[in-house]
PDB file of N, CA and C in Angstrom:
ATOM      1  N   MET A   1      -1.169   2.643   8.684  1.00  0.00           N
ATOM      2  CA  MET A   1      -1.298   1.802   7.523  1.00  0.00           C
ATOM      3  C   MET A   1      -0.266   0.667   7.580  1.00  0.00           C
ATOM      4  N   HIS A   2       0.967   1.011   7.883  1.00  0.00           N
ATOM      5  CA  HIS A   2       2.015  -0.007   7.945  1.00  0.00           C
ATOM      6  C   HIS A   2       1.673  -1.075   8.981  1.00  0.00           C
ATOM      7  N   ARG A   3       1.231  -0.640  10.145  1.00  0.00           N
ATOM      8  CA  ARG A   3       0.908  -1.573  11.231  1.00  0.00           C
ATOM      9  C   ARG A   3      -0.164  -2.576  10.794  1.00  0.00           C
ATOM     10  N   ILE A   4      -1.198  -2.101  10.124  1.00  0.00           N
ATOM     11  CA  ILE A   4      -2.308  -2.966   9.697  1.00  0.00           C
ATOM     12  C   ILE A   4      -1.831  -3.973   8.658  1.00  0.00           C
ATOM     13  N   ILE A   5      -1.081  -3.501   7.661  1.00  0.00           N
ATOM     14  CA  ILE A   5      -0.599  -4.396   6.603  1.00  0.00           C
ATOM     15  C   ILE A   5       0.411  -5.389   7.163  1.00  0.00           C
ATOM     16  N   ALA A   6       1.336  -4.920   8.007  1.00  0.00           N
ATOM     17  CA  ALA A   6       2.339  -5.814   8.599  1.00  0.00           C
ATOM     18  C   ALA A   6       1.677  -6.888   9.453  1.00  0.00           C
ATOM     19  N   SER A   7       0.661  -6.513  10.208  1.00  0.00           N
ATOM     20  CA  SER A   7      -0.055  -7.477  11.045  1.00  0.00           C
ATOM     21  C   SER A   7      -0.735  -8.542  10.186  1.00  0.00           C
ATOM     22  N   ALA A   8      -1.384  -8.127   9.102  1.00  0.00           N
ATOM     23  CA  ALA A   8      -2.059  -9.078   8.209  1.00  0.00           C
ATOM     24  C   ALA A   8      -1.044 -10.005   7.548  1.00  0.00           C
ATOM     25  N   ALA A   9       0.100  -9.472   7.126  1.00  0.00           N
ATOM     26  CA  ALA A   9       1.132 -10.302   6.497  1.00  0.00           C
ATOM     27  C   ALA A   9       1.688 -11.317   7.486  1.00  0.00           C
ATOM     28  N   THR A  10       1.936 -10.888   8.725  1.00  0.00           N
ATOM     29  CA  THR A  10       2.464 -11.786   9.747  1.00  0.00           C
ATOM     30  C   THR A  10       1.473 -12.905  10.053  1.00  0.00           C
ATOM     31  N   LYS A  11       0.206 -12.544  10.239  1.00  0.00           N
ATOM     32  CA  LYS A  11      -0.819 -13.563  10.545  1.00  0.00           C
ATOM     33  C   LYS A  11      -0.957 -14.577   9.425  1.00  0.00           C
ATOM     34  N   SER A  12      -0.763 -14.124   8.177  1.00  0.00           N
ATOM     35  CA  SER A  12      -0.911 -15.003   7.015  1.00  0.00           C
ATOM     36  C   SER A  12       0.381 -15.718   6.652  1.00  0.00           C
ATOM     37  N   GLY A  13       1.482 -15.384   7.326  1.00  0.00           N
ATOM     38  CA  GLY A  13       2.762 -16.000   7.009  1.00  0.00           C
ATOM     39  C   GLY A  13       3.334 -15.535   5.674  1.00  0.00           C
ATOM     40  N   ILE A  14       2.977 -14.337   5.252  1.00  0.00           N
ATOM     41  CA  ILE A  14       3.422 -13.810   3.965  1.00  0.00           C
ATOM     42  C   ILE A  14       4.738 -13.074   4.145  1.00  0.00           C
ATOM     43  N   PHE A  15       5.679 -13.371   3.241  1.00  0.00           N
ATOM     44  CA  PHE A  15       6.978 -12.717   3.255  1.00  0.00           C
ATOM     45  C   PHE A  15       7.385 -12.465   1.809  1.00  0.00           C
ATOM     46  N   TYR A  16       7.919 -11.295   1.534  1.00  0.00           N
ATOM     47  CA  TYR A  16       8.340 -10.952   0.181  1.00  0.00           C
ATOM     48  C   TYR A  16       9.851 -10.871   0.108  1.00  0.00           C
ATOM     49  N   HIS A  17      10.422 -11.548  -0.876  1.00  0.00           N
ATOM     50  CA  HIS A  17      11.855 -11.554  -1.113  1.00  0.00           C
ATOM     51  C   HIS A  17      12.233 -10.409  -2.052  1.00  0.00           C
ATOM     52  N   PRO A  18      13.471  -9.939  -1.998  1.00  0.00           N
ATOM     53  CA  PRO A  18      13.900  -8.864  -2.894  1.00  0.00           C
ATOM     54  C   PRO A  18      13.748  -9.208  -4.380  1.00  0.00           C
ATOM     55  N   SER A  19      13.732 -10.475  -4.721  1.00  0.00           N
ATOM     56  CA  SER A  19      13.601 -10.883  -6.131  1.00  0.00           C
ATOM     57  C   SER A  19      12.149 -11.013  -6.590  1.00  0.00           C
ATOM     58  N   ASP A  20      11.189 -10.916  -5.672  1.00  0.00           N
ATOM     59  CA  ASP A  20       9.773 -11.039  -6.041  1.00  0.00           C
ATOM     60  C   ASP A  20       9.328  -9.866  -6.905  1.00  0.00           C
ATOM     61  N   LYS A  21       8.555 -10.174  -7.929  1.00  0.00           N
ATOM     62  CA  LYS A  21       7.916  -9.146  -8.751  1.00  0.00           C
ATOM     63  C   LYS A  21       6.462  -9.091  -8.309  1.00  0.00           C
ATOM     64  N   LEU A  22       5.982  -7.889  -7.985  1.00  0.00           N
ATOM     65  CA  LEU A  22       4.692  -7.749  -7.317  1.00  0.00           C
ATOM     66  C   LEU A  22       3.742  -6.818  -8.051  1.00  0.00           C
ATOM     67  N   GLU A  23       2.463  -6.950  -7.706  1.00  0.00           N
ATOM     68  CA  GLU A  23       1.414  -6.054  -8.171  1.00  0.00           C
ATOM     69  C   GLU A  23       0.668  -5.519  -6.959  1.00  0.00           C
ATOM     70  N   LEU A  24       0.194  -4.282  -7.046  1.00  0.00           N
ATOM     71  CA  LEU A  24      -0.636  -3.684  -6.006  1.00  0.00           C
ATOM     72  C   LEU A  24      -1.997  -3.354  -6.585  1.00  0.00           C
ATOM     73  N   ASN A  25      -3.020  -3.666  -5.830  1.00  0.00           N
ATOM     74  CA  ASN A  25      -4.371  -3.232  -6.151  1.00  0.00           C
ATOM     75  C   ASN A  25      -4.845  -2.444  -4.936  1.00  0.00           C
ATOM     76  N   VAL A  26      -5.099  -1.152  -5.141  1.00  0.00           N
ATOM     77  CA  VAL A  26      -5.399  -0.245  -4.036  1.00  0.00           C
ATOM     78  C   VAL A  26      -6.769   0.383  -4.235  1.00  0.00           C
ATOM     79  N   LYS A  27      -7.535   0.417  -3.170  1.00  0.00           N
ATOM     80  CA  LYS A  27      -8.809   1.149  -3.151  1.00  0.00           C
ATOM     81  C   LYS A  27      -8.776   2.073  -1.943  1.00  0.00           C
ATOM     82  N   LEU A  28      -8.822   3.365  -2.209  1.00  0.00           N
ATOM     83  CA  LEU A  28      -8.805   4.370  -1.155  1.00  0.00           C
ATOM     84  C   LEU A  28     -10.231   4.810  -0.868  1.00  0.00           C
ATOM     85  N   TYR A  29     -10.628   4.741   0.384  1.00  0.00           N
ATOM     86  CA  TYR A  29     -11.952   5.218   0.773  1.00  0.00           C
ATOM     87  C   TYR A  29     -11.825   6.632   1.329  1.00  0.00           C
ATOM     88  N   LEU A  30     -12.544   7.542   0.734  1.00  0.00           N
ATOM     89  CA  LEU A  30     -12.512   8.948   1.131  1.00  0.00           C
ATOM     90  C   LEU A  30     -13.925   9.431   1.390  1.00  0.00           C
ATOM     91  N   GLU A  31     -14.040  10.448   2.202  1.00  0.00           N
ATOM     92  CA  GLU A  31     -15.345  10.998   2.576  1.00  0.00           C
ATOM     93  C   GLU A  31     -15.527  12.396   1.997  1.00  0.00           C
ATOM     94  N   GLY A  32     -16.739  12.742   1.668  1.00  0.00           N
ATOM     95  CA  GLY A  32     -17.122  14.097   1.274  1.00  0.00           C
ATOM     96  C   GLY A  32     -16.254  14.702   0.197  1.00  0.00           C
ATOM     97  N   THR A  33     -15.794  15.941   0.431  1.00  0.00           N
ATOM     98  CA  THR A  33     -15.007  16.653  -0.574  1.00  0.00           C
ATOM     99  C   THR A  33     -13.631  16.034  -0.789  1.00  0.00           C
ATOM    100  N   ALA A  34     -13.157  15.229   0.150  1.00  0.00           N
ATOM    101  CA  ALA A  34     -11.860  14.569  -0.025  1.00  0.00           C
ATOM    102  C   ALA A  34     -11.869  13.674  -1.262  1.00  0.00           C
ATOM    103  N   LEU A  35     -13.026  13.109  -1.563  1.00  0.00           N
ATOM    104  CA  LEU A  35     -13.132  12.230  -2.726  1.00  0.00           C
ATOM    105  C   LEU A  35     -12.777  12.974  -4.010  1.00  0.00           C
ATOM    106  N   SER A  36     -13.218  14.192  -4.144  1.00  0.00           N
ATOM    107  CA  SER A  36     -12.940  14.936  -5.376  1.00  0.00           C
ATOM    108  C   SER A  36     -11.652  15.753  -5.305  1.00  0.00           C
ATOM    109  N   SER A  37     -11.106  15.969  -4.123  1.00  0.00           N
ATOM    110  CA  SER A  37      -9.937  16.846  -4.021  1.00  0.00           C
ATOM    111  C   SER A  37      -8.606  16.117  -3.824  1.00  0.00           C
ATOM    112  N   HIS A  38      -8.600  14.894  -3.345  1.00  0.00           N
ATOM    113  CA  HIS A  38      -7.340  14.171  -3.113  1.00  0.00           C
ATOM    114  C   HIS A  38      -6.886  13.465  -4.391  1.00  0.00           C
ATOM    115  N   ASP A  39      -5.580  13.572  -4.652  1.00  0.00           N
ATOM    116  CA  ASP A  39      -4.986  12.917  -5.822  1.00  0.00           C
ATOM    117  C   ASP A  39      -4.604  11.479  -5.475  1.00  0.00           C
ATOM    118  N   VAL A  40      -4.890  10.550  -6.387  1.00  0.00           N
ATOM    119  CA  VAL A  40      -4.539   9.152  -6.128  1.00  0.00           C
ATOM    120  C   VAL A  40      -3.028   8.940  -6.143  1.00  0.00           C
ATOM    121  N   ASP A  41      -2.292   9.751  -6.912  1.00  0.00           N
ATOM    122  CA  ASP A  41      -0.844   9.546  -6.962  1.00  0.00           C
ATOM    123  C   ASP A  41      -0.179   9.854  -5.617  1.00  0.00           C
ATOM    124  N   ASN A  42      -0.672  10.863  -4.904  1.00  0.00           N
ATOM    125  CA  ASN A  42      -0.119  11.159  -3.578  1.00  0.00           C
ATOM    126  C   ASN A  42      -0.423  10.034  -2.596  1.00  0.00           C
ATOM    127  N   GLY A  43      -1.616   9.482  -2.660  1.00  0.00           N
ATOM    128  CA  GLY A  43      -1.967   8.349  -1.804  1.00  0.00           C
ATOM    129  C   GLY A  43      -1.104   7.142  -2.103  1.00  0.00           C
ATOM    130  N   LEU A  44      -0.822   6.925  -3.382  1.00  0.00           N
ATOM    131  CA  LEU A  44       0.002   5.781  -3.774  1.00  0.00           C
ATOM    132  C   LEU A  44       1.435   5.924  -3.252  1.00  0.00           C
ATOM    133  N   ILE A  45       1.982   7.116  -3.321  1.00  0.00           N
ATOM    134  CA  ILE A  45       3.334   7.348  -2.791  1.00  0.00           C
ATOM    135  C   ILE A  45       3.381   7.019  -1.300  1.00  0.00           C
ATOM    136  N   ASP A  46       2.383   7.472  -0.550  1.00  0.00           N
ATOM    137  CA  ASP A  46       2.337   7.174   0.890  1.00  0.00           C
ATOM    138  C   ASP A  46       2.271   5.677   1.148  1.00  0.00           C
ATOM    139  N   ILE A  47       1.468   4.976   0.371  1.00  0.00           N
ATOM    140  CA  ILE A  47       1.313   3.531   0.535  1.00  0.00           C
ATOM    141  C   ILE A  47       2.617   2.810   0.216  1.00  0.00           C
ATOM    142  N   MET A  48       3.238   3.169  -0.895  1.00  0.00           N
ATOM    143  CA  MET A  48       4.478   2.494  -1.290  1.00  0.00           C
ATOM    144  C   MET A  48       5.613   2.793  -0.307  1.00  0.00           C
ATOM    145  N   ASP A  49       5.669   4.004   0.221  1.00  0.00           N
ATOM    146  CA  ASP A  49       6.656   4.320   1.255  1.00  0.00           C
ATOM    147  C   ASP A  49       6.414   3.483   2.506  1.00  0.00           C
ATOM    148  N   ALA A  50       5.159   3.376   2.929  1.00  0.00           N
ATOM    149  CA  ALA A  50       4.831   2.584   4.119  1.00  0.00           C
ATOM    150  C   ALA A  50       5.186   1.111   3.913  1.00  0.00           C
ATOM    151  N   LEU A  51       4.944   0.574   2.718  1.00  0.00           N
ATOM    152  CA  LEU A  51       5.284  -0.822   2.444  1.00  0.00           C
ATOM    153  C   LEU A  51       6.786  -1.070   2.563  1.00  0.00           C
ATOM    154  N   GLN A  52       7.582  -0.036   2.322  1.00  0.00           N
ATOM    155  CA  GLN A  52       9.034  -0.149   2.447  1.00  0.00           C
ATOM    156  C   GLN A  52       9.526   0.183   3.855  1.00  0.00           C
ATOM    157  N   GLY A  53       8.594   0.521   4.761  1.00  0.00           N
ATOM    158  CA  GLY A  53       8.960   0.851   6.132  1.00  0.00           C
ATOM    159  C   GLY A  53       9.368   2.300   6.303  1.00  0.00           C
ATOM    160  N   ARG A  54       8.985   3.134   5.361  1.00  0.00           N
ATOM    161  CA  ARG A  54       9.377   4.545   5.410  1.00  0.00           C
ATOM    162  C   ARG A  54       8.162   5.431   5.631  1.00  0.00           C
ATOM    163  N   ALA A  55       8.400   6.544   6.317  1.00  0.00           N
ATOM    164  CA  ALA A  55       7.343   7.549   6.491  1.00  0.00           C
ATOM    165  C   ALA A  55       7.994   8.881   6.811  1.00  0.00           C
ATOM    166  N   GLY A  56       7.716   9.869   5.996  1.00  0.00           N
ATOM    167  CA  GLY A  56       8.261  11.208   6.235  1.00  0.00           C
ATOM    168  C   GLY A  56       9.772  11.234   6.245  1.00  0.00           C
ATOM    169  N   GLY A  57      10.334  12.391   6.187  1.00  0.00           N
ATOM    170  CA  GLY A  57      11.782  12.565   6.281  1.00  0.00           C
ATOM    171  C   GLY A  57      12.537  11.916   5.152  1.00  0.00           C
ATOM    172  N   SER A  58      13.767  11.527   5.433  1.00  0.00           N
ATOM    173  CA  SER A  58      14.664  10.953   4.443  1.00  0.00           C
ATOM    174  C   SER A  58      14.176   9.586   3.979  1.00  0.00           C
ATOM    175  N   LYS A  59      14.315   9.361   2.691  1.00  0.00           N
ATOM    176  CA  LYS A  59      13.936   8.051   2.133  1.00  0.00           C
ATOM    177  C   LYS A  59      14.958   6.978   2.504  1.00  0.00           C
ATOM    178  N   LYS A  60      16.128   7.394   3.000  1.00  0.00           N
ATOM    179  CA  LYS A  60      17.162   6.440   3.399  1.00  0.00           C
ATOM    180  C   LYS A  60      16.850   5.796   4.738  1.00  0.00           C
ATOM    181  N   ASN A  61      16.074   6.471   5.567  1.00  0.00           N
ATOM    182  CA  ASN A  61      15.775   5.972   6.914  1.00  0.00           C
ATOM    183  C   ASN A  61      14.451   5.224   6.939  1.00  0.00           C
ATOM    184  N   ARG A  62      14.494   4.025   7.470  1.00  0.00           N
ATOM    185  CA  ARG A  62      13.280   3.218   7.609  1.00  0.00           C
ATOM    186  C   ARG A  62      12.849   3.260   9.062  1.00  0.00           C
ATOM    187  N   ARG A  63      11.604   3.661   9.278  1.00  0.00           N
ATOM    188  CA  ARG A  63      11.084   3.726  10.650  1.00  0.00           C
ATOM    189  C   ARG A  63      10.579   2.374  11.112  1.00  0.00           C
ATOM    190  N   TRP A  64      10.151   1.550  10.179  1.00  0.00           N
ATOM    191  CA  TRP A  64       9.558   0.254  10.509  1.00  0.00           C
ATOM    192  C   TRP A  64      10.201  -0.839   9.678  1.00  0.00           C
ATOM    193  N   THR A  65       9.928  -2.070  10.051  1.00  0.00           N
ATOM    194  CA  THR A  65      10.383  -3.215   9.275  1.00  0.00           C
ATOM    195  C   THR A  65       9.661  -3.215   7.926  1.00  0.00           C
ATOM    196  N   PRO A  66      10.402  -3.314   6.825  1.00  0.00           N
ATOM    197  CA  PRO A  66       9.760  -3.303   5.508  1.00  0.00           C
ATOM    198  C   PRO A  66       8.860  -4.517   5.291  1.00  0.00           C
ATOM    199  N   ILE A  67       7.763  -4.295   4.610  1.00  0.00           N
ATOM    200  CA  ILE A  67       6.886  -5.374   4.172  1.00  0.00           C
ATOM    201  C   ILE A  67       7.364  -5.842   2.797  1.00  0.00           C
ATOM    202  N   ILE A  68       7.695  -4.874   1.958  1.00  0.00           N
ATOM    203  CA  ILE A  68       8.298  -5.109   0.648  1.00  0.00           C
ATOM    204  C   ILE A  68       9.700  -4.503   0.711  1.00  0.00           C
ATOM    205  N   PRO A  69      10.746  -5.269   0.363  1.00  0.00           N
ATOM    206  CA  PRO A  69      12.089  -4.720   0.471  1.00  0.00           C
ATOM    207  C   PRO A  69      12.305  -3.413  -0.314  1.00  0.00           C
ATOM    208  N   ASN A  70      11.747  -3.320  -1.526  1.00  0.00           N
ATOM    209  CA  ASN A  70      11.951  -2.133  -2.344  1.00  0.00           C
ATOM    210  C   ASN A  70      10.769  -1.970  -3.292  1.00  0.00           C
ATOM    211  N   ASP A  71      10.293  -0.731  -3.472  1.00  0.00           N
ATOM    212  CA  ASP A  71       9.137  -0.553  -4.350  1.00  0.00           C
ATOM    213  C   ASP A  71       9.484  -0.717  -5.829  1.00  0.00           C
ATOM    214  N   ASN A  72      10.770  -0.889  -6.161  1.00  0.00           N
ATOM    215  CA  ASN A  72      11.090  -1.195  -7.558  1.00  0.00           C
ATOM    216  C   ASN A  72      10.667  -2.613  -7.934  1.00  0.00           C
ATOM    217  N   GLN A  73      10.230  -3.390  -6.950  1.00  0.00           N
ATOM    218  CA  GLN A  73       9.700  -4.733  -7.186  1.00  0.00           C
ATOM    219  C   GLN A  73       8.265  -4.696  -7.708  1.00  0.00           C
ATOM    220  N   ILE A  74       7.630  -3.548  -7.637  1.00  0.00           N
ATOM    221  CA  ILE A  74       6.230  -3.428  -8.048  1.00  0.00           C
ATOM    222  C   ILE A  74       6.196  -3.132  -9.542  1.00  0.00           C
ATOM    223  N   TYR A  75       5.596  -4.058 -10.284  1.00  0.00           N
ATOM    224  CA  TYR A  75       5.554  -3.974 -11.735  1.00  0.00           C
ATOM    225  C   TYR A  75       4.218  -3.472 -12.269  1.00  0.00           C
ATOM    226  N   ARG A  76       3.201  -3.540 -11.453  1.00  0.00           N
ATOM    227  CA  ARG A  76       1.873  -3.107 -11.893  1.00  0.00           C
ATOM    228  C   ARG A  76       1.110  -2.585 -10.696  1.00  0.00           C
ATOM    229  N   VAL A  77       0.362  -1.481 -10.908  1.00  0.00           N
ATOM    230  CA  VAL A  77      -0.463  -0.896  -9.855  1.00  0.00           C
ATOM    231  C   VAL A  77      -1.816  -0.519 -10.442  1.00  0.00           C
ATOM    232  N   THR A  78      -2.872  -0.864  -9.730  1.00  0.00           N
ATOM    233  CA  THR A  78      -4.184  -0.292 -10.015  1.00  0.00           C
ATOM    234  C   THR A  78      -4.619   0.418  -8.736  1.00  0.00           C
ATOM    235  N   ILE A  79      -5.190   1.595  -8.927  1.00  0.00           N
ATOM    236  CA  ILE A  79      -5.615   2.375  -7.763  1.00  0.00           C
ATOM    237  C   ILE A  79      -6.900   3.104  -8.124  1.00  0.00           C
ATOM    238  N   GLU A  80      -7.808   3.137  -7.164  1.00  0.00           N
ATOM    239  CA  GLU A  80      -9.035   3.905  -7.348  1.00  0.00           C
ATOM    240  C   GLU A  80      -9.457   4.489  -6.011  1.00  0.00           C
ATOM    241  N   LYS A  81     -10.227   5.557  -6.099  1.00  0.00           N
ATOM    242  CA  LYS A  81     -10.777   6.151  -4.882  1.00  0.00           C
ATOM    243  C   LYS A  81     -12.291   6.051  -4.969  1.00  0.00           C
ATOM    244  N   ALA A  82     -12.910   5.926  -3.792  1.00  0.00           N
ATOM    245  CA  ALA A  82     -14.368   5.745  -3.730  1.00  0.00           C
ATOM    246  C   ALA A  82     -14.860   6.191  -2.355  1.00  0.00           C
ATOM    247  N   LEU A  83     -16.159   6.413  -2.287  1.00  0.00           N
ATOM    248  CA  LEU A  83     -16.775   6.653  -0.976  1.00  0.00           C
ATOM    249  C   LEU A  83     -16.704   5.376  -0.164  1.00  0.00           C
ATOM    250  N   ALA A  84     -16.479   5.507   1.112  1.00  0.00           N
ATOM    251  CA  ALA A  84     -16.405   4.332   1.980  1.00  0.00           C
ATOM    252  C   ALA A  84     -17.785   3.708   2.121  1.00  0.00           C
ATOM    253  N   PRO A  85     -17.886   2.384   1.973  1.00  0.00           N
ATOM    254  CA  PRO A  85     -19.156   1.721   2.237  1.00  0.00           C
ATOM    255  C   PRO A  85     -19.517   1.875   3.716  1.00  0.00           C
ATOM    256  N   LYS A  86     -20.776   1.798   4.040  1.00  0.00           N
ATOM    257  CA  LYS A  86     -21.227   2.013   5.423  1.00  0.00           C
ATOM    258  C   LYS A  86     -20.584   1.048   6.414  1.00  0.00           C
ATOM    259  N   GLN A  87     -20.329  -0.191   6.001  1.00  0.00           N
ATOM    260  CA  GLN A  87     -19.778  -1.188   6.917  1.00  0.00           C
ATOM    261  C   GLN A  87     -18.264  -1.029   7.079  1.00  0.00           C
ATOM    262  N   ASN A  88     -17.627  -0.174   6.302  1.00  0.00           N
ATOM    263  CA  ASN A  88     -16.188   0.023   6.377  1.00  0.00           C
ATOM    264  C   ASN A  88     -15.860   1.128   7.362  1.00  0.00           C
ATOM    265  N   LYS A  89     -14.646   1.123   7.854  1.00  0.00           N
ATOM    266  CA  LYS A  89     -14.205   2.160   8.788  1.00  0.00           C
ATOM    267  C   LYS A  89     -13.541   3.325   8.065  1.00  0.00           C
ATOM    268  N   GLY A  90     -13.734   3.419   6.746  1.00  0.00           N
ATOM    269  CA  GLY A  90     -13.219   4.544   5.984  1.00  0.00           C
ATOM    270  C   GLY A  90     -11.744   4.466   5.644  1.00  0.00           C
ATOM    271  N   LEU A  91     -11.159   3.279   5.664  1.00  0.00           N
ATOM    272  CA  LEU A  91      -9.731   3.155   5.403  1.00  0.00           C
ATOM    273  C   LEU A  91      -9.461   2.858   3.929  1.00  0.00           C
ATOM    274  N   GLY A  92      -9.684   1.662   3.528  1.00  0.00           N
ATOM    275  CA  GLY A  92      -9.417   1.240   2.161  1.00  0.00           C
ATOM    276  C   GLY A  92      -8.863  -0.170   2.155  1.00  0.00           C
ATOM    277  N   HIS A  93      -8.367  -0.568   0.990  1.00  0.00           N
ATOM    278  CA  HIS A  93      -7.823  -1.915   0.820  1.00  0.00           C
ATOM    279  C   HIS A  93      -6.532  -1.837   0.020  1.00  0.00           C
ATOM    280  N   VAL A  94      -5.558  -2.658   0.409  1.00  0.00           N
ATOM    281  CA  VAL A  94      -4.327  -2.829  -0.350  1.00  0.00           C
ATOM    282  C   VAL A  94      -4.132  -4.330  -0.523  1.00  0.00           C
ATOM    283  N   LEU A  95      -4.111  -4.772  -1.773  1.00  0.00           N
ATOM    284  CA  LEU A  95      -3.890  -6.186  -2.074  1.00  0.00           C
ATOM    285  C   LEU A  95      -2.555  -6.302  -2.800  1.00  0.00           C
ATOM    286  N   ILE A  96      -1.656  -7.121  -2.255  1.00  0.00           N
ATOM    287  CA  ILE A  96      -0.362  -7.358  -2.861  1.00  0.00           C
ATOM    288  C   ILE A  96      -0.376  -8.776  -3.415  1.00  0.00           C
ATOM    289  N   THR A  97      -0.070  -8.905  -4.694  1.00  0.00           N
ATOM    290  CA  THR A  97      -0.020 -10.228  -5.334  1.00  0.00           C
ATOM    291  C   THR A  97       1.256 -10.355  -6.155  1.00  0.00           C
ATOM    292  N   ARG A  98       1.568 -11.569  -6.556  1.00  0.00           N
ATOM    293  CA  ARG A  98       2.688 -11.790  -7.458  1.00  0.00           C
ATOM    294  C   ARG A  98       2.323 -11.229  -8.833  1.00  0.00           C
ATOM    295  N   HIS A  99       3.299 -10.627  -9.505  1.00  0.00           N
ATOM    296  CA  HIS A  99       3.067 -10.086 -10.846  1.00  0.00           C
ATOM    297  C   HIS A  99       2.805 -11.255 -11.788  1.00  0.00           C
ATOM    298  N   LYS A 100       1.734 -11.177 -12.545  1.00  0.00           N
ATOM    299  CA  LYS A 100       1.283 -12.286 -13.383  1.00  0.00           C
ATOM    300  C   LYS A 100       2.233 -12.609 -14.543  1.00  0.00           C
ATOM    301  N   ASN A 101       3.009 -11.643 -14.972  1.00  0.00           N
ATOM    302  CA  ASN A 101       3.919 -11.883 -16.100  1.00  0.00           C
ATOM    303  C   ASN A 101       5.323 -12.219 -15.647  1.00  0.00           C
ATOM    304  N   SER A 102       5.446 -12.716 -14.412  1.00  0.00           N
ATOM    305  CA  SER A 102       6.769 -13.045 -13.888  1.00  0.00           C
ATOM    306  C   SER A 102       7.140 -14.469 -14.219  1.00  0.00           C
TER     307      SER A 102
END
């Protein structure tokens, strides 16, 4: 997930400063019973950790270059889960935008 988002940000020339206030819009694509059994809050934690360059283990250690310096910059989140459309590879979408009330 981190690799895909970091690649898209680099290609688009997008960079987030520690002072930026951000919003996330997340759509998780799940298959079969995963749609009814997976919690969106657990998926969101994984996404926010990846955006900060973290995965597993200690939250102090960053495995990758952060996309967002700190998840305390996120002021609003919308998240939903759905069946993957046929043309999708079953991943999902993460849209990062500036917080509208900033």
